[in-house]
Structure formats: structure tokens, C-alpha cells
């Protein structure tokens, strides 16, 4: 792995941890951070030993989104944003399609692309002090980072329109109520809660969890019969795997399974 300057990266056994690490810039996403995030995402996707990836931010912010100051300083703003968004999107796609689960711990404000990145997790846990806002149209831009894909699926068209057009800020409690999050915890419990989840899934069946991700990713594109066929294929392959055999044997033997 490379030495990173804008993220912290740890890989220990089945768990990888990524921390957005530009706290003095509200963890704003500039090209350097986007490059490093995409590299880390690709690494996690390619390493078969990794079952869980934890993503969080350093300091008071999860991420304030794209670094607007860097955009303003660029000589060609359009080319700058095109490259930045493209790199970020490589990371988002890798996280979505990797077999490992992505657990996001939202430690503070998530704005713009930070919001998009936060809700892309397979499990999203937020601190009570976190807040969420799109903020794109405030600076004359439009959403990126997968927001227009994830938000309508998570909360429906009308609420997505409200967030994107009015730039309404949601508290963590409101975001949970709307269906953007799985859990909200006190700030001093966020790290422990996310770590507990990471350990739980590190001991679980990787391919089984990966199948869940894949099934949900394609479900809106399939007819009922196509989805039923995909389900049948996946569950058959899972049953033939070592983890499937172990899970079935453990259930019959009335013991806890020991997945690979």
C-alpha cells in the first residue's frame, strides 16, 4: 500500500479502516483525497481477505463535500470538477461492488459529496451530532457521488427533491426517521458501535453478505422472474460453498458457526 497524506488507512485481518483526514479543511474532497480514496477502495475490493471496510472522518466533520476553494483556484473549473467527480465515482463504484461490506460511521456534518458518500454504505451509523445537507445548488452545482442514485431509492422522489432543491439540513435524528441511516448513537459511542459491527461481520460469511449486496444492487433492474433466477443461482452457489456447508452443519448441530 502507498503512504497516504489525506486519508488514514489500516488493514488488520478481515477489517480495513479508512478515515478521511483533512480535518482543518472539513475533510473536503480535493483531487489528492479523491485519488487516495479511490486507491484504498480498489485495494479493499481486490483483497479477498477483507470482509468489512469502515469509513469515517477525522475531527468535527465527516466531510463537507467537494473542496470549493480548490475548484475556485483551478485554471479550468470544468476540467477540474470532471476529473474530481470521476475519481470519486471510481471509489463509490468500488465500494458498492466489492464483496466486503461498507460500514460508514458519520462522525459529524456530511454535506454535498460527503452526504452522498455517507449514505452509500451498506450499514450507516451516525453520531447524534451529525447533520446532513446536499448544498450543491447553493454554489450553482448539481449532485454527484451517487446521490441521485441512492437517495430516491432510500427515501423516495419527493423527499429527494426537497433535499436537493431546498438544501434542507437534516439532523441525525431526522435522517434516521427518513430512512437514510440504520442507527444513531451518542457521539462518544460511535467508534465502539461501529467497531462492534465490524467485528460481527468480520466473523460472518463474506460471500453470503456479498450476495445480499449484489441482489439488492440489481433488483430494480430486473423483472420478478429475472430476480428469482438470480436469487436461485446465488443461494445454490452459497450452499455449495464452505461457509454454506458450515452454516447448515452448525444449524443442524445446534452450535455457533465458524465461518472462514
Protein backbone atom coordinates (compact mmCIF):
# COMPACT_ATOMS: atom_id res chain seq x y z
CA UNK A 1 0.00 0.00 0.00
CA UNK A 2 1.02 3.59 -0.60
CA UNK A 3 1.67 6.06 2.19
CA UNK A 4 -1.32 8.38 2.32
CA UNK A 5 -1.41 12.06 3.19
CA UNK A 6 -5.16 12.76 3.06
CA UNK A 7 -6.67 9.57 4.45
CA UNK A 8 -5.69 7.18 7.19
CA UNK A 9 -5.71 3.54 6.13
CA UNK A 10 -5.43 0.48 8.35
CA UNK A 11 -5.79 -3.14 7.33
CA UNK A 12 -5.92 -5.74 10.06
CA UNK A 13 -7.06 -9.23 9.09
CA UNK A 14 -10.60 -9.12 7.68
CA UNK A 15 -11.19 -5.44 8.56
CA UNK A 16 -9.95 -2.35 6.70
CA UNK A 17 -10.44 1.13 8.14
CA UNK A 18 -10.43 4.34 6.11
CA UNK A 19 -10.55 7.78 7.74
CA UNK A 20 -10.94 10.96 5.71
CA UNK A 21 -8.10 13.00 7.16
CA UNK A 22 -8.22 16.68 6.20
CA UNK A 23 -9.78 17.93 9.44
CA UNK A 24 -8.56 21.52 9.01
CA UNK A 25 -10.39 21.60 5.66
CA UNK A 26 -13.55 19.89 6.99
CA UNK A 27 -12.40 16.73 5.19
CA UNK A 28 -13.20 18.46 1.91
CA UNK A 29 -12.65 16.26 -1.12
CA UNK A 30 -9.90 17.65 -3.33
CA UNK A 31 -8.14 15.70 -6.07
CA UNK A 32 -5.47 14.33 -3.74
CA UNK A 33 -8.01 12.94 -1.27
CA UNK A 34 -10.17 11.55 -4.08
CA UNK A 35 -7.12 9.80 -5.59
CA UNK A 36 -6.24 8.20 -2.27
CA UNK A 37 -9.83 7.18 -1.53
CA UNK A 38 -10.14 5.54 -4.95
CA UNK A 39 -6.85 3.70 -4.42
CA UNK A 40 -7.95 2.46 -0.99
CA UNK A 41 -11.35 1.40 -2.32
CA UNK A 42 -9.72 -0.57 -5.14
CA UNK A 43 -7.37 -2.25 -2.67
CA UNK A 44 -10.29 -3.28 -0.46
CA UNK A 45 -12.20 -4.57 -3.46
CA UNK A 46 -9.26 -6.62 -4.73
CA UNK A 47 -8.16 -8.20 -1.43
CA UNK A 48 -10.20 -11.38 -0.81
CA UNK A 49 -9.22 -11.40 2.88
CA UNK A 50 -11.14 -8.19 3.61
CA UNK A 51 -14.71 -8.76 4.79
CA UNK A 52 -15.51 -5.32 6.20
CA UNK A 53 -14.47 -1.76 5.36
CA UNK A 54 -15.10 1.00 7.90
CA UNK A 55 -15.25 4.58 6.60
CA UNK A 56 -15.33 7.65 8.85
CA UNK A 57 -13.91 11.16 9.15
CA UNK A 58 -11.34 12.82 11.39
CA UNK A 59 -12.35 15.79 13.52
CA UNK A 60 -15.73 17.52 13.65
CA UNK A 61 -16.79 16.81 10.06
CA UNK A 62 -17.43 13.59 8.21
CA UNK A 63 -16.90 15.55 5.01
CA UNK A 64 -18.04 18.94 3.76
CA UNK A 65 -18.01 17.53 0.22
CA UNK A 66 -16.04 18.78 -2.76
CA UNK A 67 -13.37 21.34 -1.92
CA UNK A 68 -14.92 24.51 -3.35
CA UNK A 69 -11.76 26.56 -2.68
CA UNK A 70 -9.75 24.12 -4.78
CA UNK A 71 -12.35 24.45 -7.54
CA UNK A 72 -12.06 28.24 -7.39
CA UNK A 73 -8.26 28.08 -7.57
CA UNK A 74 -8.22 25.78 -10.61
CA UNK A 75 -7.43 27.26 -14.00
CA UNK A 76 -10.16 25.25 -15.74
CA UNK A 77 -13.00 24.63 -13.29
CA UNK A 78 -14.93 22.34 -15.61
CA UNK A 79 -11.95 20.08 -16.26
CA UNK A 80 -11.06 20.13 -12.57
CA UNK A 81 -14.53 19.03 -11.46
CA UNK A 82 -14.79 16.44 -14.23
CA UNK A 83 -11.61 14.76 -13.04
CA UNK A 84 -12.51 15.09 -9.36
CA UNK A 85 -16.01 13.66 -9.78
CA UNK A 86 -14.72 10.86 -11.99
CA UNK A 87 -12.15 9.82 -9.40
CA UNK A 88 -14.65 9.96 -6.55
CA UNK A 89 -17.07 7.90 -8.61
CA UNK A 90 -14.44 5.18 -9.05
CA UNK A 91 -14.32 4.93 -5.26
CA UNK A 92 -18.12 4.90 -4.87
CA UNK A 93 -18.45 2.19 -7.51
CA UNK A 94 -15.70 0.06 -5.96
CA UNK A 95 -17.33 0.29 -2.53
CA UNK A 96 -20.73 -0.65 -3.96
CA UNK A 97 -19.49 -3.63 -5.97
CA UNK A 98 -16.86 -5.08 -3.65
CA UNK A 99 -17.74 -8.26 -1.77
CA UNK A 100 -16.79 -6.66 1.56
CA UNK A 101 -19.42 -4.72 3.49
CA UNK A 102 -19.00 -0.95 3.82
CA UNK A 103 -19.86 0.40 7.27
CA UNK A 104 -19.94 4.21 7.43
CA UNK A 105 -19.54 5.96 10.77
CA UNK A 106 -20.80 9.52 10.27
CA UNK A 107 -18.99 11.45 12.97
CA UNK A 108 -20.16 14.96 12.05
CA UNK A 109 -21.52 17.11 9.25
CA UNK A 110 -21.94 15.36 5.88
CA UNK A 111 -22.51 17.87 3.08
CA UNK A 112 -22.52 17.61 -0.70
CA UNK A 113 -20.42 14.68 -1.83
CA UNK A 114 -19.83 13.91 1.84
CA UNK A 115 -23.57 13.28 2.16
CA UNK A 116 -23.51 11.16 -0.99
CA UNK A 117 -20.59 9.11 0.30
CA UNK A 118 -22.13 8.65 3.75
CA UNK A 119 -25.40 7.14 2.55
CA UNK A 120 -23.68 4.79 0.09
CA UNK A 121 -22.70 2.50 2.95
CA UNK A 122 -24.22 -0.95 3.41
CA UNK A 123 -24.65 0.00 7.07
CA UNK A 124 -24.67 3.64 8.16
CA UNK A 125 -24.31 4.67 11.80
CA UNK A 126 -24.29 8.35 12.75
CA UNK A 127 -23.37 10.34 15.80
CA UNK A 128 -26.18 12.34 17.39
CA UNK A 129 -24.17 15.44 16.45
CA UNK A 130 -24.09 14.58 12.72
CA UNK A 131 -26.07 16.58 10.18
CA UNK A 132 -26.81 16.12 6.50
CA UNK A 133 -27.29 18.62 3.66
CA UNK A 134 -26.92 18.45 -0.11
CA UNK A 135 -25.78 22.09 -0.55
CA UNK A 136 -24.95 21.72 -4.26
CA UNK A 137 -27.34 24.31 -5.64
CA UNK A 138 -26.10 26.85 -3.08
CA UNK A 139 -22.95 27.09 -5.19
CA UNK A 140 -24.63 26.61 -8.57
CA UNK A 141 -23.72 22.94 -8.95
CA UNK A 142 -25.66 19.67 -9.16
CA UNK A 143 -25.28 16.46 -7.14
CA UNK A 144 -22.57 13.86 -7.65
CA UNK A 145 -21.12 10.98 -5.67
CA UNK A 146 -24.15 8.79 -6.36
CA UNK A 147 -26.70 10.99 -4.57
CA UNK A 148 -29.18 10.90 -7.45
CA UNK A 149 -28.94 7.08 -7.45
CA UNK A 150 -29.10 6.35 -3.73
CA UNK A 151 -31.45 9.00 -2.38
CA UNK A 152 -34.55 8.21 -4.49
CA UNK A 153 -34.13 4.54 -3.63
CA UNK A 154 -33.71 5.23 0.07
CA UNK A 155 -36.25 7.97 0.71
CA UNK A 156 -38.32 8.40 -2.47
CA UNK A 157 -38.53 11.10 -5.12
CA UNK A 158 -40.36 13.81 -3.18
CA UNK A 159 -38.01 13.87 -0.22
CA UNK A 160 -35.02 13.69 -2.56
CA UNK A 161 -36.33 16.72 -4.44
CA UNK A 162 -36.70 18.60 -1.18
CA UNK A 163 -33.14 17.85 -0.08
CA UNK A 164 -31.57 18.64 -3.43
CA UNK A 165 -33.59 21.74 -4.33
CA UNK A 166 -34.01 23.43 -0.93
CA UNK A 167 -30.73 22.27 0.65
CA UNK A 168 -32.61 21.46 3.83
CA UNK A 169 -30.34 20.30 6.64
CA UNK A 170 -31.38 17.14 8.44
CA UNK A 171 -30.32 16.32 11.97
CA UNK A 172 -29.14 12.78 12.64
CA UNK A 173 -32.50 12.01 14.22
CA UNK A 174 -34.37 13.29 11.16
CA UNK A 175 -32.07 11.39 8.80
CA UNK A 176 -32.79 8.21 10.74
CA UNK A 177 -36.53 8.88 10.63
CA UNK A 178 -36.36 9.49 6.87
CA UNK A 179 -34.58 6.18 6.27
CA UNK A 180 -31.10 7.46 5.39
CA UNK A 181 -29.42 5.79 8.36
CA UNK A 182 -29.56 2.49 10.22
CA UNK A 183 -28.68 3.78 13.67
CA UNK A 184 -27.92 6.96 15.64
CA UNK A 185 -25.78 6.79 18.77
CA UNK A 186 -24.24 9.29 21.22
CA UNK A 187 -21.03 10.82 19.89
CA UNK A 188 -18.87 9.07 22.46
CA UNK A 189 -20.32 5.68 21.46
CA UNK A 190 -19.89 5.95 17.68
CA UNK A 191 -16.45 4.38 17.41
CA UNK A 192 -17.31 1.48 19.71
CA UNK A 193 -20.62 0.83 17.94
CA UNK A 194 -19.04 0.79 14.50
CA UNK A 195 -16.20 -1.43 15.74
CA UNK A 196 -18.68 -3.88 17.26
CA UNK A 197 -20.50 -4.12 13.94
CA UNK A 198 -17.22 -4.53 12.06
CA UNK A 199 -16.14 -7.39 14.32
CA UNK A 200 -19.54 -9.04 13.97
CA UNK A 201 -19.36 -9.07 10.19
CA UNK A 202 -15.66 -9.96 10.21
CA UNK A 203 -16.74 -13.23 11.81
CA UNK A 204 -19.58 -13.73 9.36
CA UNK A 205 -19.91 -15.37 5.92
CA UNK A 206 -18.32 -13.00 3.41
CA UNK A 207 -19.88 -14.42 0.25
CA UNK A 208 -23.32 -14.63 1.80
CA UNK A 209 -23.16 -10.93 2.70
CA UNK A 210 -21.73 -10.13 -0.73
CA UNK A 211 -24.68 -11.91 -2.34
CA UNK A 212 -27.05 -9.65 -0.40
CA UNK A 213 -25.25 -6.59 -1.78
CA UNK A 214 -25.37 -7.91 -5.33
CA UNK A 215 -29.02 -8.91 -5.18
CA UNK A 216 -30.09 -5.51 -3.90
CA UNK A 217 -27.93 -3.71 -6.45
CA UNK A 218 -29.68 -5.33 -9.41
CA UNK A 219 -33.19 -5.78 -8.01
CA UNK A 220 -34.60 -2.57 -9.51
CA UNK A 221 -33.29 -3.51 -12.97
CA UNK A 222 -34.84 -6.98 -13.10
CA UNK A 223 -38.29 -8.35 -13.70
CA UNK A 224 -39.61 -10.56 -10.92
CA UNK A 225 -38.66 -13.69 -12.84
CA UNK A 226 -35.15 -12.41 -13.57
CA UNK A 227 -34.62 -11.61 -9.90
CA UNK A 228 -35.96 -15.02 -8.86
CA UNK A 229 -33.47 -16.64 -11.23
CA UNK A 230 -30.62 -14.60 -9.79
CA UNK A 231 -31.68 -15.50 -6.25
CA UNK A 232 -31.75 -19.19 -7.15
CA UNK A 233 -28.26 -19.01 -8.66
CA UNK A 234 -26.79 -17.18 -5.69
CA UNK A 235 -28.34 -19.38 -3.00
CA UNK A 236 -27.21 -22.50 -4.85
CA UNK A 237 -23.63 -21.29 -5.05
CA UNK A 238 -23.77 -20.26 -1.40
CA UNK A 239 -25.00 -23.70 -0.38
CA UNK A 240 -22.09 -25.29 -2.27
CA UNK A 241 -19.50 -23.03 -0.58
CA UNK A 242 -17.51 -23.84 2.55
CA UNK A 243 -19.40 -21.19 4.52
CA UNK A 244 -22.74 -22.55 3.34
CA UNK A 245 -21.80 -26.07 4.38
CA UNK A 246 -20.57 -24.79 7.75
CA UNK A 247 -23.69 -22.71 8.34
CA UNK A 248 -26.02 -25.62 7.59
CA UNK A 249 -23.95 -28.04 9.69
CA UNK A 250 -23.85 -25.61 12.60
CA UNK A 251 -27.61 -25.09 12.48
CA UNK A 252 -28.28 -28.84 12.48
CA UNK A 253 -25.67 -29.39 15.18
CA UNK A 254 -27.12 -26.59 17.32
CA UNK A 255 -23.79 -24.75 17.60
CA UNK A 256 -22.40 -21.40 16.55
CA UNK A 257 -20.95 -21.46 13.02
CA UNK A 258 -17.26 -20.82 12.40
CA UNK A 259 -17.08 -19.17 9.01
CA UNK A 260 -13.88 -18.95 7.03
